[in-house]
Amino acid sequence: MSDNQQPLDDIAEKIAGGIRMLGGLKQGAEAQVRSIVENALSQFDVVTHERMQVQEAMLRKAKEELHALDSRVAELEAQLKKLSH
């Protein structure tokens, strides 16, 4: 290895170490921000996207069942009307 290469290797190693440290700081900052936001949102009446999707699916199913029951009641009323005449 030449004498000129060693200082460049040292600089490259220090830069790589700095980048790794910044990556760790970024992850730590993201975790801290997420924790702060989650804590703030927990104080409000907020629903997660996943929970909202579950509720929408349940509502869709309930509407379908209600429509089917309405149709069935109408059929039964028609049959009852025929029987009473």
N, C-alpha and C. Protein backbone atom coordinates (compact mmCIF):
# COMPACT_ATOMS: atom_id res chain seq x y z
N MET A 1 0.85 -1.16 0.00
CA MET A 1 0.00 0.00 0.00
C MET A 1 0.90 1.22 0.00
N SER A 2 0.54 2.21 -0.79
CA SER A 2 1.38 3.41 -0.86
C SER A 2 1.08 4.32 0.32
N ASP A 3 2.01 5.20 0.61
CA ASP A 3 1.84 6.13 1.72
C ASP A 3 0.68 7.09 1.46
N ASN A 4 0.40 7.35 0.18
CA ASN A 4 -0.69 8.26 -0.17
C ASN A 4 -2.06 7.61 0.04
N GLN A 5 -2.12 6.31 -0.03
CA GLN A 5 -3.40 5.59 0.09
C GLN A 5 -3.90 5.56 1.53
N GLN A 6 -3.01 5.47 2.50
CA GLN A 6 -3.40 5.35 3.91
C GLN A 6 -4.25 6.53 4.39
N PRO A 7 -3.85 7.78 4.12
CA PRO A 7 -4.69 8.90 4.56
C PRO A 7 -6.08 8.87 3.89
N LEU A 8 -6.13 8.45 2.64
CA LEU A 8 -7.42 8.36 1.96
C LEU A 8 -8.29 7.28 2.60
N ASP A 9 -7.69 6.15 2.96
CA ASP A 9 -8.44 5.08 3.64
C ASP A 9 -8.96 5.56 4.99
N ASP A 10 -8.12 6.30 5.72
CA ASP A 10 -8.55 6.83 7.03
C ASP A 10 -9.72 7.79 6.87
N ILE A 11 -9.65 8.65 5.88
CA ILE A 11 -10.73 9.61 5.63
C ILE A 11 -12.01 8.87 5.24
N ALA A 12 -11.88 7.87 4.37
CA ALA A 12 -13.04 7.10 3.93
C ALA A 12 -13.67 6.38 5.13
N GLU A 13 -12.85 5.84 6.00
CA GLU A 13 -13.36 5.14 7.18
C GLU A 13 -14.09 6.10 8.11
N LYS A 14 -13.54 7.30 8.29
CA LYS A 14 -14.19 8.29 9.15
C LYS A 14 -15.52 8.75 8.54
N ILE A 15 -15.54 8.93 7.25
CA ILE A 15 -16.79 9.33 6.57
C ILE A 15 -17.84 8.24 6.72
N ALA A 16 -17.43 6.99 6.50
CA ALA A 16 -18.36 5.87 6.63
C ALA A 16 -18.89 5.78 8.06
N GLY A 17 -18.03 5.98 9.04
CA GLY A 17 -18.45 5.97 10.45
C GLY A 17 -19.44 7.09 10.73
N GLY A 18 -19.20 8.26 10.16
CA GLY A 18 -20.12 9.39 10.33
C GLY A 18 -21.48 9.11 9.71
N ILE A 19 -21.47 8.49 8.55
CA ILE A 19 -22.74 8.15 7.88
C ILE A 19 -23.51 7.13 8.70
N ARG A 20 -22.83 6.13 9.24
CA ARG A 20 -23.50 5.15 10.10
C ARG A 20 -24.11 5.81 11.32
N MET A 21 -23.35 6.75 11.92
CA MET A 21 -23.84 7.46 13.10
C MET A 21 -25.08 8.28 12.74
N LEU A 22 -25.06 8.96 11.59
CA LEU A 22 -26.22 9.75 11.17
C LEU A 22 -27.42 8.85 10.92
N GLY A 23 -27.19 7.67 10.36
CA GLY A 23 -28.28 6.72 10.15
C GLY A 23 -28.92 6.32 11.47
N GLY A 24 -28.08 6.08 12.46
CA GLY A 24 -28.58 5.72 13.78
C GLY A 24 -29.35 6.88 14.41
N LEU A 25 -28.85 8.09 14.24
CA LEU A 25 -29.55 9.26 14.76
C LEU A 25 -30.89 9.44 14.08
N LYS A 26 -30.92 9.20 12.77
CA LYS A 26 -32.16 9.33 12.02
C LYS A 26 -33.20 8.35 12.54
N GLN A 27 -32.79 7.10 12.73
CA GLN A 27 -33.73 6.09 13.23
C GLN A 27 -34.22 6.45 14.62
N GLY A 28 -33.32 6.93 15.46
CA GLY A 28 -33.70 7.34 16.80
C GLY A 28 -34.67 8.51 16.78
N ALA A 29 -34.41 9.47 15.91
CA ALA A 29 -35.29 10.64 15.80
C ALA A 29 -36.65 10.22 15.27
N GLU A 30 -36.69 9.34 14.29
CA GLU A 30 -37.97 8.87 13.75
C GLU A 30 -38.78 8.16 14.83
N ALA A 31 -38.14 7.33 15.62
CA ALA A 31 -38.82 6.61 16.69
C ALA A 31 -39.36 7.59 17.73
N GLN A 32 -38.57 8.60 18.04
CA GLN A 32 -38.98 9.59 19.03
C GLN A 32 -40.16 10.42 18.52
N VAL A 33 -40.11 10.84 17.26
CA VAL A 33 -41.21 11.61 16.67
C VAL A 33 -42.47 10.75 16.62
N ARG A 34 -42.33 9.50 16.21
CA ARG A 34 -43.49 8.60 16.15
C ARG A 34 -44.12 8.46 17.54
N SER A 35 -43.30 8.30 18.56
CA SER A 35 -43.79 8.16 19.93
C SER A 35 -44.54 9.42 20.37
N ILE A 36 -44.00 10.58 20.05
CA ILE A 36 -44.63 11.84 20.43
C ILE A 36 -45.98 11.99 19.72
N VAL A 37 -46.01 11.69 18.43
CA VAL A 37 -47.26 11.81 17.67
C VAL A 37 -48.29 10.82 18.16
N GLU A 38 -47.89 9.57 18.38
CA GLU A 38 -48.83 8.56 18.88
C GLU A 38 -49.38 8.95 20.24
N ASN A 39 -48.53 9.50 21.10
CA ASN A 39 -48.98 9.94 22.42
C ASN A 39 -49.98 11.09 22.29
N ALA A 40 -49.69 12.04 21.41
CA ALA A 40 -50.60 13.17 21.20
C ALA A 40 -51.93 12.69 20.63
N LEU A 41 -51.89 11.79 19.67
CA LEU A 41 -53.12 11.29 19.05
C LEU A 41 -53.95 10.45 20.01
N SER A 42 -53.29 9.81 20.96
CA SER A 42 -54.03 8.98 21.91
C SER A 42 -54.93 9.83 22.81
N GLN A 43 -54.66 11.12 22.89
CA GLN A 43 -55.47 12.01 23.70
C GLN A 43 -56.72 12.47 22.96
N PHE A 44 -56.78 12.21 21.67
CA PHE A 44 -57.94 12.58 20.86
C PHE A 44 -58.72 11.32 20.51
N ASP A 45 -59.94 11.52 20.04
CA ASP A 45 -60.78 10.40 19.62
C ASP A 45 -60.48 10.12 18.14
N VAL A 46 -59.34 9.48 17.88
CA VAL A 46 -58.87 9.23 16.52
C VAL A 46 -58.95 7.73 16.23
N VAL A 47 -59.36 7.40 15.02
CA VAL A 47 -59.48 6.01 14.60
C VAL A 47 -58.39 5.73 13.58
N THR A 48 -57.74 4.58 13.70
CA THR A 48 -56.70 4.22 12.73
C THR A 48 -57.35 3.88 11.39
N HIS A 49 -56.55 3.94 10.35
CA HIS A 49 -57.04 3.62 9.01
C HIS A 49 -57.54 2.17 8.95
N GLU A 50 -56.80 1.26 9.57
CA GLU A 50 -57.19 -0.14 9.57
C GLU A 50 -58.53 -0.34 10.28
N ARG A 51 -58.69 0.34 11.42
CA ARG A 51 -59.93 0.22 12.18
C ARG A 51 -61.10 0.79 11.36
N MET A 52 -60.85 1.88 10.64
CA MET A 52 -61.89 2.47 9.81
C MET A 52 -62.29 1.52 8.69
N GLN A 53 -61.33 0.83 8.10
CA GLN A 53 -61.64 -0.14 7.05
C GLN A 53 -62.50 -1.28 7.59
N VAL A 54 -62.20 -1.75 8.79
CA VAL A 54 -63.00 -2.80 9.42
C VAL A 54 -64.42 -2.31 9.63
N GLN A 55 -64.56 -1.10 10.14
CA GLN A 55 -65.89 -0.54 10.39
C GLN A 55 -66.67 -0.38 9.10
N GLU A 56 -66.01 0.08 8.02
CA GLU A 56 -66.67 0.24 6.73
C GLU A 56 -67.15 -1.11 6.20
N ALA A 57 -66.33 -2.15 6.36
CA ALA A 57 -66.71 -3.49 5.89
C ALA A 57 -67.91 -4.00 6.69
N MET A 58 -67.91 -3.77 7.98
CA MET A 58 -69.03 -4.20 8.81
C MET A 58 -70.31 -3.45 8.42
N LEU A 59 -70.18 -2.17 8.14
CA LEU A 59 -71.34 -1.37 7.73
C LEU A 59 -71.89 -1.84 6.39
N ARG A 60 -70.99 -2.14 5.45
CA ARG A 60 -71.42 -2.67 4.15
C ARG A 60 -72.20 -3.97 4.31
N LYS A 61 -71.68 -4.86 5.15
CA LYS A 61 -72.34 -6.14 5.38
C LYS A 61 -73.70 -5.93 6.04
N ALA A 62 -73.77 -5.04 7.01
CA ALA A 62 -75.04 -4.77 7.69
C ALA A 62 -76.07 -4.20 6.71
N LYS A 63 -75.62 -3.31 5.81
CA LYS A 63 -76.53 -2.76 4.81
C LYS A 63 -77.05 -3.84 3.87
N GLU A 64 -76.18 -4.75 3.46
CA GLU A 64 -76.59 -5.85 2.59
C GLU A 64 -77.61 -6.73 3.30
N GLU A 65 -77.35 -7.04 4.56
CA GLU A 65 -78.27 -7.88 5.33
C GLU A 65 -79.61 -7.17 5.53
N LEU A 66 -79.58 -5.87 5.78
CA LEU A 66 -80.81 -5.10 5.96
C LEU A 66 -81.63 -5.08 4.67
N HIS A 67 -80.94 -4.92 3.55
CA HIS A 67 -81.63 -4.93 2.24
C HIS A 67 -82.29 -6.30 2.01
N ALA A 68 -81.57 -7.37 2.33
CA ALA A 68 -82.13 -8.71 2.16
C ALA A 68 -83.34 -8.92 3.08
N LEU A 69 -83.25 -8.43 4.31
CA LEU A 69 -84.38 -8.56 5.24
C LEU A 69 -85.58 -7.73 4.77
N ASP A 70 -85.32 -6.53 4.24
CA ASP A 70 -86.40 -5.71 3.70
C ASP A 70 -87.12 -6.44 2.57
N SER A 71 -86.35 -7.06 1.69
CA SER A 71 -86.94 -7.81 0.58
C SER A 71 -87.76 -8.98 1.11
N ARG A 72 -87.22 -9.68 2.09
CA ARG A 72 -87.92 -10.84 2.67
C ARG A 72 -89.23 -10.41 3.35
N VAL A 73 -89.19 -9.30 4.08
CA VAL A 73 -90.40 -8.79 4.74
C VAL A 73 -91.45 -8.41 3.69
N ALA A 74 -91.01 -7.77 2.62
CA ALA A 74 -91.95 -7.40 1.56
C ALA A 74 -92.59 -8.65 0.95
N GLU A 75 -91.79 -9.71 0.74
CA GLU A 75 -92.33 -10.97 0.20
C GLU A 75 -93.35 -11.57 1.17
N LEU A 76 -93.02 -11.60 2.44
CA LEU A 76 -93.92 -12.17 3.45
C LEU A 76 -95.21 -11.35 3.58
N GLU A 77 -95.09 -10.04 3.49
CA GLU A 77 -96.28 -9.19 3.53
C GLU A 77 -97.18 -9.45 2.33
N ALA A 78 -96.58 -9.64 1.17
CA ALA A 78 -97.36 -9.94 -0.04
C ALA A 78 -98.07 -11.28 0.10
N GLN A 79 -97.38 -12.28 0.63
CA GLN A 79 -98.00 -13.59 0.85
C GLN A 79 -99.13 -13.50 1.86
N LEU A 80 -98.91 -12.73 2.92
CA LEU A 80 -99.94 -12.57 3.94
C LEU A 80 -101.16 -11.85 3.38
N LYS A 81 -100.93 -10.89 2.54
CA LYS A 81 -102.02 -10.14 1.91
C LYS A 81 -102.85 -11.08 1.03
N LYS A 82 -102.17 -11.97 0.29
CA LYS A 82 -102.88 -12.94 -0.57
C LYS A 82 -103.73 -13.89 0.29
N LEU A 83 -103.18 -14.32 1.41
CA LEU A 83 -103.89 -15.26 2.28
C LEU A 83 -105.10 -14.61 2.96
N SER A 84 -105.02 -13.34 3.22
CA SER A 84 -106.12 -12.67 3.93
C SER A 84 -107.25 -12.29 3.00
N HIS A 85 -107.07 -12.35 1.68
CA HIS A 85 -108.13 -12.02 0.73
C HIS A 85 -108.85 -13.21 0.27
